[in-house]
Amino acid sequence: LAGFELESRHADWDFSEFTAESRS
């Protein structure tokens, strides 16, 4: 809605993989 596109998503700042079990 604000004109952005998702570039990346990780589970933490260390580039760990975001999964269904990720808490953040």
PDBML (XML) file of the C-alpha atoms, coordinates in Angstrom:
<?xml version="1.0" encoding="UTF-8" ?>
<PDBx:datablock datablockName="MODEL"
   xmlns:PDBx="http://pdbml.pdb.org/schema/pdbx-v50.xsd"
   xmlns:xsi="http://www.w3.org/2001/XMLSchema-instance"
   xsi:schemaLocation="http://pdbml.pdb.org/schema/pdbx-v50.xsd pdbx-v50.xsd">
   <PDBx:atom_siteCategory>
      <PDBx:atom_site id="1">
         <PDBx:B_iso_or_equiv>0.00</PDBx:B_iso_or_equiv>
         <PDBx:Cartn_x>0.000</PDBx:Cartn_x>
         <PDBx:Cartn_y>0.000</PDBx:Cartn_y>
         <PDBx:Cartn_z>0.000</PDBx:Cartn_z>
         <PDBx:auth_asym_id>A</PDBx:auth_asym_id>
         <PDBx:auth_atom_id>CA</PDBx:auth_atom_id>
         <PDBx:auth_comp_id>LEU</PDBx:auth_comp_id>
         <PDBx:auth_seq_id>1</PDBx:auth_seq_id>
         <PDBx:group_PDB>ATOM</PDBx:group_PDB>
         <PDBx:label_alt_id xsi:nil="true" />
         <PDBx:label_asym_id>A</PDBx:label_asym_id>
         <PDBx:label_atom_id>CA</PDBx:label_atom_id>
         <PDBx:label_comp_id>LEU</PDBx:label_comp_id>
         <PDBx:label_entity_id>1</PDBx:label_entity_id>
         <PDBx:label_seq_id>1</PDBx:label_seq_id>
         <PDBx:occupancy>1.00</PDBx:occupancy>
         <PDBx:pdbx_PDB_model_num>1</PDBx:pdbx_PDB_model_num>
         <PDBx:type_symbol>C</PDBx:type_symbol>
      </PDBx:atom_site>
      <PDBx:atom_site id="2">
         <PDBx:B_iso_or_equiv>0.00</PDBx:B_iso_or_equiv>
         <PDBx:Cartn_x>2.975</PDBx:Cartn_x>
         <PDBx:Cartn_y>2.302</PDBx:Cartn_y>
         <PDBx:Cartn_z>0.600</PDBx:Cartn_z>
         <PDBx:auth_asym_id>A</PDBx:auth_asym_id>
         <PDBx:auth_atom_id>CA</PDBx:auth_atom_id>
         <PDBx:auth_comp_id>ALA</PDBx:auth_comp_id>
         <PDBx:auth_seq_id>2</PDBx:auth_seq_id>
         <PDBx:group_PDB>ATOM</PDBx:group_PDB>
         <PDBx:label_alt_id xsi:nil="true" />
         <PDBx:label_asym_id>A</PDBx:label_asym_id>
         <PDBx:label_atom_id>CA</PDBx:label_atom_id>
         <PDBx:label_comp_id>ALA</PDBx:label_comp_id>
         <PDBx:label_entity_id>1</PDBx:label_entity_id>
         <PDBx:label_seq_id>2</PDBx:label_seq_id>
         <PDBx:occupancy>1.00</PDBx:occupancy>
         <PDBx:pdbx_PDB_model_num>1</PDBx:pdbx_PDB_model_num>
         <PDBx:type_symbol>C</PDBx:type_symbol>
      </PDBx:atom_site>
      <PDBx:atom_site id="3">
         <PDBx:B_iso_or_equiv>0.00</PDBx:B_iso_or_equiv>
         <PDBx:Cartn_x>4.710</PDBx:Cartn_x>
         <PDBx:Cartn_y>1.361</PDBx:Cartn_y>
         <PDBx:Cartn_z>-2.651</PDBx:Cartn_z>
         <PDBx:auth_asym_id>A</PDBx:auth_asym_id>
         <PDBx:auth_atom_id>CA</PDBx:auth_atom_id>
         <PDBx:auth_comp_id>GLY</PDBx:auth_comp_id>
         <PDBx:auth_seq_id>3</PDBx:auth_seq_id>
         <PDBx:group_PDB>ATOM</PDBx:group_PDB>
         <PDBx:label_alt_id xsi:nil="true" />
         <PDBx:label_asym_id>A</PDBx:label_asym_id>
         <PDBx:label_atom_id>CA</PDBx:label_atom_id>
         <PDBx:label_comp_id>GLY</PDBx:label_comp_id>
         <PDBx:label_entity_id>1</PDBx:label_entity_id>
         <PDBx:label_seq_id>3</PDBx:label_seq_id>
         <PDBx:occupancy>1.00</PDBx:occupancy>
         <PDBx:pdbx_PDB_model_num>1</PDBx:pdbx_PDB_model_num>
         <PDBx:type_symbol>C</PDBx:type_symbol>
      </PDBx:atom_site>
      <PDBx:atom_site id="4">
         <PDBx:B_iso_or_equiv>0.00</PDBx:B_iso_or_equiv>
         <PDBx:Cartn_x>7.271</PDBx:Cartn_x>
         <PDBx:Cartn_y>-1.114</PDBx:Cartn_y>
         <PDBx:Cartn_z>-1.249</PDBx:Cartn_z>
         <PDBx:auth_asym_id>A</PDBx:auth_asym_id>
         <PDBx:auth_atom_id>CA</PDBx:auth_atom_id>
         <PDBx:auth_comp_id>PHE</PDBx:auth_comp_id>
         <PDBx:auth_seq_id>4</PDBx:auth_seq_id>
         <PDBx:group_PDB>ATOM</PDBx:group_PDB>
         <PDBx:label_alt_id xsi:nil="true" />
         <PDBx:label_asym_id>A</PDBx:label_asym_id>
         <PDBx:label_atom_id>CA</PDBx:label_atom_id>
         <PDBx:label_comp_id>PHE</PDBx:label_comp_id>
         <PDBx:label_entity_id>1</PDBx:label_entity_id>
         <PDBx:label_seq_id>4</PDBx:label_seq_id>
         <PDBx:occupancy>1.00</PDBx:occupancy>
         <PDBx:pdbx_PDB_model_num>1</PDBx:pdbx_PDB_model_num>
         <PDBx:type_symbol>C</PDBx:type_symbol>
      </PDBx:atom_site>
      <PDBx:atom_site id="5">
         <PDBx:B_iso_or_equiv>0.00</PDBx:B_iso_or_equiv>
         <PDBx:Cartn_x>8.286</PDBx:Cartn_x>
         <PDBx:Cartn_y>-4.560</PDBx:Cartn_y>
         <PDBx:Cartn_z>-2.418</PDBx:Cartn_z>
         <PDBx:auth_asym_id>A</PDBx:auth_asym_id>
         <PDBx:auth_atom_id>CA</PDBx:auth_atom_id>
         <PDBx:auth_comp_id>GLU</PDBx:auth_comp_id>
         <PDBx:auth_seq_id>5</PDBx:auth_seq_id>
         <PDBx:group_PDB>ATOM</PDBx:group_PDB>
         <PDBx:label_alt_id xsi:nil="true" />
         <PDBx:label_asym_id>A</PDBx:label_asym_id>
         <PDBx:label_atom_id>CA</PDBx:label_atom_id>
         <PDBx:label_comp_id>GLU</PDBx:label_comp_id>
         <PDBx:label_entity_id>1</PDBx:label_entity_id>
         <PDBx:label_seq_id>5</PDBx:label_seq_id>
         <PDBx:occupancy>1.00</PDBx:occupancy>
         <PDBx:pdbx_PDB_model_num>1</PDBx:pdbx_PDB_model_num>
         <PDBx:type_symbol>C</PDBx:type_symbol>
      </PDBx:atom_site>
      <PDBx:atom_site id="6">
         <PDBx:B_iso_or_equiv>0.00</PDBx:B_iso_or_equiv>
         <PDBx:Cartn_x>9.587</PDBx:Cartn_x>
         <PDBx:Cartn_y>-7.272</PDBx:Cartn_y>
         <PDBx:Cartn_z>-0.100</PDBx:Cartn_z>
         <PDBx:auth_asym_id>A</PDBx:auth_asym_id>
         <PDBx:auth_atom_id>CA</PDBx:auth_atom_id>
         <PDBx:auth_comp_id>LEU</PDBx:auth_comp_id>
         <PDBx:auth_seq_id>6</PDBx:auth_seq_id>
         <PDBx:group_PDB>ATOM</PDBx:group_PDB>
         <PDBx:label_alt_id xsi:nil="true" />
         <PDBx:label_asym_id>A</PDBx:label_asym_id>
         <PDBx:label_atom_id>CA</PDBx:label_atom_id>
         <PDBx:label_comp_id>LEU</PDBx:label_comp_id>
         <PDBx:label_entity_id>1</PDBx:label_entity_id>
         <PDBx:label_seq_id>6</PDBx:label_seq_id>
         <PDBx:occupancy>1.00</PDBx:occupancy>
         <PDBx:pdbx_PDB_model_num>1</PDBx:pdbx_PDB_model_num>
         <PDBx:type_symbol>C</PDBx:type_symbol>
      </PDBx:atom_site>
      <PDBx:atom_site id="7">
         <PDBx:B_iso_or_equiv>0.00</PDBx:B_iso_or_equiv>
         <PDBx:Cartn_x>13.306</PDBx:Cartn_x>
         <PDBx:Cartn_y>-7.671</PDBx:Cartn_y>
         <PDBx:Cartn_z>-0.790</PDBx:Cartn_z>
         <PDBx:auth_asym_id>A</PDBx:auth_asym_id>
         <PDBx:auth_atom_id>CA</PDBx:auth_atom_id>
         <PDBx:auth_comp_id>GLU</PDBx:auth_comp_id>
         <PDBx:auth_seq_id>7</PDBx:auth_seq_id>
         <PDBx:group_PDB>ATOM</PDBx:group_PDB>
         <PDBx:label_alt_id xsi:nil="true" />
         <PDBx:label_asym_id>A</PDBx:label_asym_id>
         <PDBx:label_atom_id>CA</PDBx:label_atom_id>
         <PDBx:label_comp_id>GLU</PDBx:label_comp_id>
         <PDBx:label_entity_id>1</PDBx:label_entity_id>
         <PDBx:label_seq_id>7</PDBx:label_seq_id>
         <PDBx:occupancy>1.00</PDBx:occupancy>
         <PDBx:pdbx_PDB_model_num>1</PDBx:pdbx_PDB_model_num>
         <PDBx:type_symbol>C</PDBx:type_symbol>
      </PDBx:atom_site>
      <PDBx:atom_site id="8">
         <PDBx:B_iso_or_equiv>0.00</PDBx:B_iso_or_equiv>
         <PDBx:Cartn_x>14.166</PDBx:Cartn_x>
         <PDBx:Cartn_y>-10.286</PDBx:Cartn_y>
         <PDBx:Cartn_z>1.852</PDBx:Cartn_z>
         <PDBx:auth_asym_id>A</PDBx:auth_asym_id>
         <PDBx:auth_atom_id>CA</PDBx:auth_atom_id>
         <PDBx:auth_comp_id>SER</PDBx:auth_comp_id>
         <PDBx:auth_seq_id>8</PDBx:auth_seq_id>
         <PDBx:group_PDB>ATOM</PDBx:group_PDB>
         <PDBx:label_alt_id xsi:nil="true" />
         <PDBx:label_asym_id>A</PDBx:label_asym_id>
         <PDBx:label_atom_id>CA</PDBx:label_atom_id>
         <PDBx:label_comp_id>SER</PDBx:label_comp_id>
         <PDBx:label_entity_id>1</PDBx:label_entity_id>
         <PDBx:label_seq_id>8</PDBx:label_seq_id>
         <PDBx:occupancy>1.00</PDBx:occupancy>
         <PDBx:pdbx_PDB_model_num>1</PDBx:pdbx_PDB_model_num>
         <PDBx:type_symbol>C</PDBx:type_symbol>
      </PDBx:atom_site>
      <PDBx:atom_site id="9">
         <PDBx:B_iso_or_equiv>0.00</PDBx:B_iso_or_equiv>
         <PDBx:Cartn_x>12.941</PDBx:Cartn_x>
         <PDBx:Cartn_y>-11.896</PDBx:Cartn_y>
         <PDBx:Cartn_z>5.066</PDBx:Cartn_z>
         <PDBx:auth_asym_id>A</PDBx:auth_asym_id>
         <PDBx:auth_atom_id>CA</PDBx:auth_atom_id>
         <PDBx:auth_comp_id>ARG</PDBx:auth_comp_id>
         <PDBx:auth_seq_id>9</PDBx:auth_seq_id>
         <PDBx:group_PDB>ATOM</PDBx:group_PDB>
         <PDBx:label_alt_id xsi:nil="true" />
         <PDBx:label_asym_id>A</PDBx:label_asym_id>
         <PDBx:label_atom_id>CA</PDBx:label_atom_id>
         <PDBx:label_comp_id>ARG</PDBx:label_comp_id>
         <PDBx:label_entity_id>1</PDBx:label_entity_id>
         <PDBx:label_seq_id>9</PDBx:label_seq_id>
         <PDBx:occupancy>1.00</PDBx:occupancy>
         <PDBx:pdbx_PDB_model_num>1</PDBx:pdbx_PDB_model_num>
         <PDBx:type_symbol>C</PDBx:type_symbol>
      </PDBx:atom_site>
      <PDBx:atom_site id="10">
         <PDBx:B_iso_or_equiv>0.00</PDBx:B_iso_or_equiv>
         <PDBx:Cartn_x>15.062</PDBx:Cartn_x>
         <PDBx:Cartn_y>-13.806</PDBx:Cartn_y>
         <PDBx:Cartn_z>7.564</PDBx:Cartn_z>
         <PDBx:auth_asym_id>A</PDBx:auth_asym_id>
         <PDBx:auth_atom_id>CA</PDBx:auth_atom_id>
         <PDBx:auth_comp_id>HIS</PDBx:auth_comp_id>
         <PDBx:auth_seq_id>10</PDBx:auth_seq_id>
         <PDBx:group_PDB>ATOM</PDBx:group_PDB>
         <PDBx:label_alt_id xsi:nil="true" />
         <PDBx:label_asym_id>A</PDBx:label_asym_id>
         <PDBx:label_atom_id>CA</PDBx:label_atom_id>
         <PDBx:label_comp_id>HIS</PDBx:label_comp_id>
         <PDBx:label_entity_id>1</PDBx:label_entity_id>
         <PDBx:label_seq_id>10</PDBx:label_seq_id>
         <PDBx:occupancy>1.00</PDBx:occupancy>
         <PDBx:pdbx_PDB_model_num>1</PDBx:pdbx_PDB_model_num>
         <PDBx:type_symbol>C</PDBx:type_symbol>
      </PDBx:atom_site>
      <PDBx:atom_site id="11">
         <PDBx:B_iso_or_equiv>0.00</PDBx:B_iso_or_equiv>
         <PDBx:Cartn_x>14.473</PDBx:Cartn_x>
         <PDBx:Cartn_y>-15.152</PDBx:Cartn_y>
         <PDBx:Cartn_z>11.044</PDBx:Cartn_z>
         <PDBx:auth_asym_id>A</PDBx:auth_asym_id>
         <PDBx:auth_atom_id>CA</PDBx:auth_atom_id>
         <PDBx:auth_comp_id>ALA</PDBx:auth_comp_id>
         <PDBx:auth_seq_id>11</PDBx:auth_seq_id>
         <PDBx:group_PDB>ATOM</PDBx:group_PDB>
         <PDBx:label_alt_id xsi:nil="true" />
         <PDBx:label_asym_id>A</PDBx:label_asym_id>
         <PDBx:label_atom_id>CA</PDBx:label_atom_id>
         <PDBx:label_comp_id>ALA</PDBx:label_comp_id>
         <PDBx:label_entity_id>1</PDBx:label_entity_id>
         <PDBx:label_seq_id>11</PDBx:label_seq_id>
         <PDBx:occupancy>1.00</PDBx:occupancy>
         <PDBx:pdbx_PDB_model_num>1</PDBx:pdbx_PDB_model_num>
         <PDBx:type_symbol>C</PDBx:type_symbol>
      </PDBx:atom_site>
      <PDBx:atom_site id="12">
         <PDBx:B_iso_or_equiv>0.00</PDBx:B_iso_or_equiv>
         <PDBx:Cartn_x>17.174</PDBx:Cartn_x>
         <PDBx:Cartn_y>-12.909</PDBx:Cartn_y>
         <PDBx:Cartn_z>12.512</PDBx:Cartn_z>
         <PDBx:auth_asym_id>A</PDBx:auth_asym_id>
         <PDBx:auth_atom_id>CA</PDBx:auth_atom_id>
         <PDBx:auth_comp_id>ASP</PDBx:auth_comp_id>
         <PDBx:auth_seq_id>12</PDBx:auth_seq_id>
         <PDBx:group_PDB>ATOM</PDBx:group_PDB>
         <PDBx:label_alt_id xsi:nil="true" />
         <PDBx:label_asym_id>A</PDBx:label_asym_id>
         <PDBx:label_atom_id>CA</PDBx:label_atom_id>
         <PDBx:label_comp_id>ASP</PDBx:label_comp_id>
         <PDBx:label_entity_id>1</PDBx:label_entity_id>
         <PDBx:label_seq_id>12</PDBx:label_seq_id>
         <PDBx:occupancy>1.00</PDBx:occupancy>
         <PDBx:pdbx_PDB_model_num>1</PDBx:pdbx_PDB_model_num>
         <PDBx:type_symbol>C</PDBx:type_symbol>
      </PDBx:atom_site>
      <PDBx:atom_site id="13">
         <PDBx:B_iso_or_equiv>0.00</PDBx:B_iso_or_equiv>
         <PDBx:Cartn_x>19.823</PDBx:Cartn_x>
         <PDBx:Cartn_y>-10.359</PDBx:Cartn_y>
         <PDBx:Cartn_z>11.638</PDBx:Cartn_z>
         <PDBx:auth_asym_id>A</PDBx:auth_asym_id>
         <PDBx:auth_atom_id>CA</PDBx:auth_atom_id>
         <PDBx:auth_comp_id>TRP</PDBx:auth_comp_id>
         <PDBx:auth_seq_id>13</PDBx:auth_seq_id>
         <PDBx:group_PDB>ATOM</PDBx:group_PDB>
         <PDBx:label_alt_id xsi:nil="true" />
         <PDBx:label_asym_id>A</PDBx:label_asym_id>
         <PDBx:label_atom_id>CA</PDBx:label_atom_id>
         <PDBx:label_comp_id>TRP</PDBx:label_comp_id>
         <PDBx:label_entity_id>1</PDBx:label_entity_id>
         <PDBx:label_seq_id>13</PDBx:label_seq_id>
         <PDBx:occupancy>1.00</PDBx:occupancy>
         <PDBx:pdbx_PDB_model_num>1</PDBx:pdbx_PDB_model_num>
         <PDBx:type_symbol>C</PDBx:type_symbol>
      </PDBx:atom_site>
      <PDBx:atom_site id="14">
         <PDBx:B_iso_or_equiv>0.00</PDBx:B_iso_or_equiv>
         <PDBx:Cartn_x>22.317</PDBx:Cartn_x>
         <PDBx:Cartn_y>-13.127</PDBx:Cartn_y>
         <PDBx:Cartn_z>10.883</PDBx:Cartn_z>
         <PDBx:auth_asym_id>A</PDBx:auth_asym_id>
         <PDBx:auth_atom_id>CA</PDBx:auth_atom_id>
         <PDBx:auth_comp_id>ASP</PDBx:auth_comp_id>
         <PDBx:auth_seq_id>14</PDBx:auth_seq_id>
         <PDBx:group_PDB>ATOM</PDBx:group_PDB>
         <PDBx:label_alt_id xsi:nil="true" />
         <PDBx:label_asym_id>A</PDBx:label_asym_id>
         <PDBx:label_atom_id>CA</PDBx:label_atom_id>
         <PDBx:label_comp_id>ASP</PDBx:label_comp_id>
         <PDBx:label_entity_id>1</PDBx:label_entity_id>
         <PDBx:label_seq_id>14</PDBx:label_seq_id>
         <PDBx:occupancy>1.00</PDBx:occupancy>
         <PDBx:pdbx_PDB_model_num>1</PDBx:pdbx_PDB_model_num>
         <PDBx:type_symbol>C</PDBx:type_symbol>
      </PDBx:atom_site>
      <PDBx:atom_site id="15">
         <PDBx:B_iso_or_equiv>0.00</PDBx:B_iso_or_equiv>
         <PDBx:Cartn_x>20.488</PDBx:Cartn_x>
         <PDBx:Cartn_y>-14.220</PDBx:Cartn_y>
         <PDBx:Cartn_z>7.670</PDBx:Cartn_z>
         <PDBx:auth_asym_id>A</PDBx:auth_asym_id>
         <PDBx:auth_atom_id>CA</PDBx:auth_atom_id>
         <PDBx:auth_comp_id>PHE</PDBx:auth_comp_id>
         <PDBx:auth_seq_id>15</PDBx:auth_seq_id>
         <PDBx:group_PDB>ATOM</PDBx:group_PDB>
         <PDBx:label_alt_id xsi:nil="true" />
         <PDBx:label_asym_id>A</PDBx:label_asym_id>
         <PDBx:label_atom_id>CA</PDBx:label_atom_id>
         <PDBx:label_comp_id>PHE</PDBx:label_comp_id>
         <PDBx:label_entity_id>1</PDBx:label_entity_id>
         <PDBx:label_seq_id>15</PDBx:label_seq_id>
         <PDBx:occupancy>1.00</PDBx:occupancy>
         <PDBx:pdbx_PDB_model_num>1</PDBx:pdbx_PDB_model_num>
         <PDBx:type_symbol>C</PDBx:type_symbol>
      </PDBx:atom_site>
      <PDBx:atom_site id="16">
         <PDBx:B_iso_or_equiv>0.00</PDBx:B_iso_or_equiv>
         <PDBx:Cartn_x>19.085</PDBx:Cartn_x>
         <PDBx:Cartn_y>-17.385</PDBx:Cartn_y>
         <PDBx:Cartn_z>9.289</PDBx:Cartn_z>
         <PDBx:auth_asym_id>A</PDBx:auth_asym_id>
         <PDBx:auth_atom_id>CA</PDBx:auth_atom_id>
         <PDBx:auth_comp_id>SER</PDBx:auth_comp_id>
         <PDBx:auth_seq_id>16</PDBx:auth_seq_id>
         <PDBx:group_PDB>ATOM</PDBx:group_PDB>
         <PDBx:label_alt_id xsi:nil="true" />
         <PDBx:label_asym_id>A</PDBx:label_asym_id>
         <PDBx:label_atom_id>CA</PDBx:label_atom_id>
         <PDBx:label_comp_id>SER</PDBx:label_comp_id>
         <PDBx:label_entity_id>1</PDBx:label_entity_id>
         <PDBx:label_seq_id>16</PDBx:label_seq_id>
         <PDBx:occupancy>1.00</PDBx:occupancy>
         <PDBx:pdbx_PDB_model_num>1</PDBx:pdbx_PDB_model_num>
         <PDBx:type_symbol>C</PDBx:type_symbol>
      </PDBx:atom_site>
      <PDBx:atom_site id="17">
         <PDBx:B_iso_or_equiv>0.00</PDBx:B_iso_or_equiv>
         <PDBx:Cartn_x>16.214</PDBx:Cartn_x>
         <PDBx:Cartn_y>-18.915</PDBx:Cartn_y>
         <PDBx:Cartn_z>7.340</PDBx:Cartn_z>
         <PDBx:auth_asym_id>A</PDBx:auth_asym_id>
         <PDBx:auth_atom_id>CA</PDBx:auth_atom_id>
         <PDBx:auth_comp_id>GLU</PDBx:auth_comp_id>
         <PDBx:auth_seq_id>17</PDBx:auth_seq_id>
         <PDBx:group_PDB>ATOM</PDBx:group_PDB>
         <PDBx:label_alt_id xsi:nil="true" />
         <PDBx:label_asym_id>A</PDBx:label_asym_id>
         <PDBx:label_atom_id>CA</PDBx:label_atom_id>
         <PDBx:label_comp_id>GLU</PDBx:label_comp_id>
         <PDBx:label_entity_id>1</PDBx:label_entity_id>
         <PDBx:label_seq_id>17</PDBx:label_seq_id>
         <PDBx:occupancy>1.00</PDBx:occupancy>
         <PDBx:pdbx_PDB_model_num>1</PDBx:pdbx_PDB_model_num>
         <PDBx:type_symbol>C</PDBx:type_symbol>
      </PDBx:atom_site>
      <PDBx:atom_site id="18">
         <PDBx:B_iso_or_equiv>0.00</PDBx:B_iso_or_equiv>
         <PDBx:Cartn_x>12.674</PDBx:Cartn_x>
         <PDBx:Cartn_y>-17.790</PDBx:Cartn_y>
         <PDBx:Cartn_z>8.124</PDBx:Cartn_z>
         <PDBx:auth_asym_id>A</PDBx:auth_asym_id>
         <PDBx:auth_atom_id>CA</PDBx:auth_atom_id>
         <PDBx:auth_comp_id>PHE</PDBx:auth_comp_id>
         <PDBx:auth_seq_id>18</PDBx:auth_seq_id>
         <PDBx:group_PDB>ATOM</PDBx:group_PDB>
         <PDBx:label_alt_id xsi:nil="true" />
         <PDBx:label_asym_id>A</PDBx:label_asym_id>
         <PDBx:label_atom_id>CA</PDBx:label_atom_id>
         <PDBx:label_comp_id>PHE</PDBx:label_comp_id>
         <PDBx:label_entity_id>1</PDBx:label_entity_id>
         <PDBx:label_seq_id>18</PDBx:label_seq_id>
         <PDBx:occupancy>1.00</PDBx:occupancy>
         <PDBx:pdbx_PDB_model_num>1</PDBx:pdbx_PDB_model_num>
         <PDBx:type_symbol>C</PDBx:type_symbol>
      </PDBx:atom_site>
      <PDBx:atom_site id="19">
         <PDBx:B_iso_or_equiv>0.00</PDBx:B_iso_or_equiv>
         <PDBx:Cartn_x>10.456</PDBx:Cartn_x>
         <PDBx:Cartn_y>-20.860</PDBx:Cartn_y>
         <PDBx:Cartn_z>8.619</PDBx:Cartn_z>
         <PDBx:auth_asym_id>A</PDBx:auth_asym_id>
         <PDBx:auth_atom_id>CA</PDBx:auth_atom_id>
         <PDBx:auth_comp_id>THR</PDBx:auth_comp_id>
         <PDBx:auth_seq_id>19</PDBx:auth_seq_id>
         <PDBx:group_PDB>ATOM</PDBx:group_PDB>
         <PDBx:label_alt_id xsi:nil="true" />
         <PDBx:label_asym_id>A</PDBx:label_asym_id>
         <PDBx:label_atom_id>CA</PDBx:label_atom_id>
         <PDBx:label_comp_id>THR</PDBx:label_comp_id>
         <PDBx:label_entity_id>1</PDBx:label_entity_id>
         <PDBx:label_seq_id>19</PDBx:label_seq_id>
         <PDBx:occupancy>1.00</PDBx:occupancy>
         <PDBx:pdbx_PDB_model_num>1</PDBx:pdbx_PDB_model_num>
         <PDBx:type_symbol>C</PDBx:type_symbol>
      </PDBx:atom_site>
      <PDBx:atom_site id="20">
         <PDBx:B_iso_or_equiv>0.00</PDBx:B_iso_or_equiv>
         <PDBx:Cartn_x>7.050</PDBx:Cartn_x>
         <PDBx:Cartn_y>-21.763</PDBx:Cartn_y>
         <PDBx:Cartn_z>10.018</PDBx:Cartn_z>
         <PDBx:auth_asym_id>A</PDBx:auth_asym_id>
         <PDBx:auth_atom_id>CA</PDBx:auth_atom_id>
         <PDBx:auth_comp_id>ALA</PDBx:auth_comp_id>
         <PDBx:auth_seq_id>20</PDBx:auth_seq_id>
         <PDBx:group_PDB>ATOM</PDBx:group_PDB>
         <PDBx:label_alt_id xsi:nil="true" />
         <PDBx:label_asym_id>A</PDBx:label_asym_id>
         <PDBx:label_atom_id>CA</PDBx:label_atom_id>
         <PDBx:label_comp_id>ALA</PDBx:label_comp_id>
         <PDBx:label_entity_id>1</PDBx:label_entity_id>
         <PDBx:label_seq_id>20</PDBx:label_seq_id>
         <PDBx:occupancy>1.00</PDBx:occupancy>
         <PDBx:pdbx_PDB_model_num>1</PDBx:pdbx_PDB_model_num>
         <PDBx:type_symbol>C</PDBx:type_symbol>
      </PDBx:atom_site>
      <PDBx:atom_site id="21">
         <PDBx:B_iso_or_equiv>0.00</PDBx:B_iso_or_equiv>
         <PDBx:Cartn_x>8.732</PDBx:Cartn_x>
         <PDBx:Cartn_y>-22.255</PDBx:Cartn_y>
         <PDBx:Cartn_z>13.392</PDBx:Cartn_z>
         <PDBx:auth_asym_id>A</PDBx:auth_asym_id>
         <PDBx:auth_atom_id>CA</PDBx:auth_atom_id>
         <PDBx:auth_comp_id>GLU</PDBx:auth_comp_id>
         <PDBx:auth_seq_id>21</PDBx:auth_seq_id>
         <PDBx:group_PDB>ATOM</PDBx:group_PDB>
         <PDBx:label_alt_id xsi:nil="true" />
         <PDBx:label_asym_id>A</PDBx:label_asym_id>
         <PDBx:label_atom_id>CA</PDBx:label_atom_id>
         <PDBx:label_comp_id>GLU</PDBx:label_comp_id>
         <PDBx:label_entity_id>1</PDBx:label_entity_id>
         <PDBx:label_seq_id>21</PDBx:label_seq_id>
         <PDBx:occupancy>1.00</PDBx:occupancy>
         <PDBx:pdbx_PDB_model_num>1</PDBx:pdbx_PDB_model_num>
         <PDBx:type_symbol>C</PDBx:type_symbol>
      </PDBx:atom_site>
      <PDBx:atom_site id="22">
         <PDBx:B_iso_or_equiv>0.00</PDBx:B_iso_or_equiv>
         <PDBx:Cartn_x>10.470</PDBx:Cartn_x>
         <PDBx:Cartn_y>-18.854</PDBx:Cartn_y>
         <PDBx:Cartn_z>13.503</PDBx:Cartn_z>
         <PDBx:auth_asym_id>A</PDBx:auth_asym_id>
         <PDBx:auth_atom_id>CA</PDBx:auth_atom_id>
         <PDBx:auth_comp_id>SER</PDBx:auth_comp_id>
         <PDBx:auth_seq_id>22</PDBx:auth_seq_id>
         <PDBx:group_PDB>ATOM</PDBx:group_PDB>
         <PDBx:label_alt_id xsi:nil="true" />
         <PDBx:label_asym_id>A</PDBx:label_asym_id>
         <PDBx:label_atom_id>CA</PDBx:label_atom_id>
         <PDBx:label_comp_id>SER</PDBx:label_comp_id>
         <PDBx:label_entity_id>1</PDBx:label_entity_id>
         <PDBx:label_seq_id>22</PDBx:label_seq_id>
         <PDBx:occupancy>1.00</PDBx:occupancy>
         <PDBx:pdbx_PDB_model_num>1</PDBx:pdbx_PDB_model_num>
         <PDBx:type_symbol>C</PDBx:type_symbol>
      </PDBx:atom_site>
      <PDBx:atom_site id="23">
         <PDBx:B_iso_or_equiv>0.00</PDBx:B_iso_or_equiv>
         <PDBx:Cartn_x>9.471</PDBx:Cartn_x>
         <PDBx:Cartn_y>-16.671</PDBx:Cartn_y>
         <PDBx:Cartn_z>16.444</PDBx:Cartn_z>
         <PDBx:auth_asym_id>A</PDBx:auth_asym_id>
         <PDBx:auth_atom_id>CA</PDBx:auth_atom_id>
         <PDBx:auth_comp_id>ARG</PDBx:auth_comp_id>
         <PDBx:auth_seq_id>23</PDBx:auth_seq_id>
         <PDBx:group_PDB>ATOM</PDBx:group_PDB>
         <PDBx:label_alt_id xsi:nil="true" />
         <PDBx:label_asym_id>A</PDBx:label_asym_id>
         <PDBx:label_atom_id>CA</PDBx:label_atom_id>
         <PDBx:label_comp_id>ARG</PDBx:label_comp_id>
         <PDBx:label_entity_id>1</PDBx:label_entity_id>
         <PDBx:label_seq_id>23</PDBx:label_seq_id>
         <PDBx:occupancy>1.00</PDBx:occupancy>
         <PDBx:pdbx_PDB_model_num>1</PDBx:pdbx_PDB_model_num>
         <PDBx:type_symbol>C</PDBx:type_symbol>
      </PDBx:atom_site>
      <PDBx:atom_site id="24">
         <PDBx:B_iso_or_equiv>0.00</PDBx:B_iso_or_equiv>
         <PDBx:Cartn_x>10.550</PDBx:Cartn_x>
         <PDBx:Cartn_y>-13.407</PDBx:Cartn_y>
         <PDBx:Cartn_z>14.803</PDBx:Cartn_z>
         <PDBx:auth_asym_id>A</PDBx:auth_asym_id>
         <PDBx:auth_atom_id>CA</PDBx:auth_atom_id>
         <PDBx:auth_comp_id>SER</PDBx:auth_comp_id>
         <PDBx:auth_seq_id>24</PDBx:auth_seq_id>
         <PDBx:group_PDB>ATOM</PDBx:group_PDB>
         <PDBx:label_alt_id xsi:nil="true" />
         <PDBx:label_asym_id>A</PDBx:label_asym_id>
         <PDBx:label_atom_id>CA</PDBx:label_atom_id>
         <PDBx:label_comp_id>SER</PDBx:label_comp_id>
         <PDBx:label_entity_id>1</PDBx:label_entity_id>
         <PDBx:label_seq_id>24</PDBx:label_seq_id>
         <PDBx:occupancy>1.00</PDBx:occupancy>
         <PDBx:pdbx_PDB_model_num>1</PDBx:pdbx_PDB_model_num>
         <PDBx:type_symbol>C</PDBx:type_symbol>
      </PDBx:atom_site>
   </PDBx:atom_siteCategory>
</PDBx:datablock>
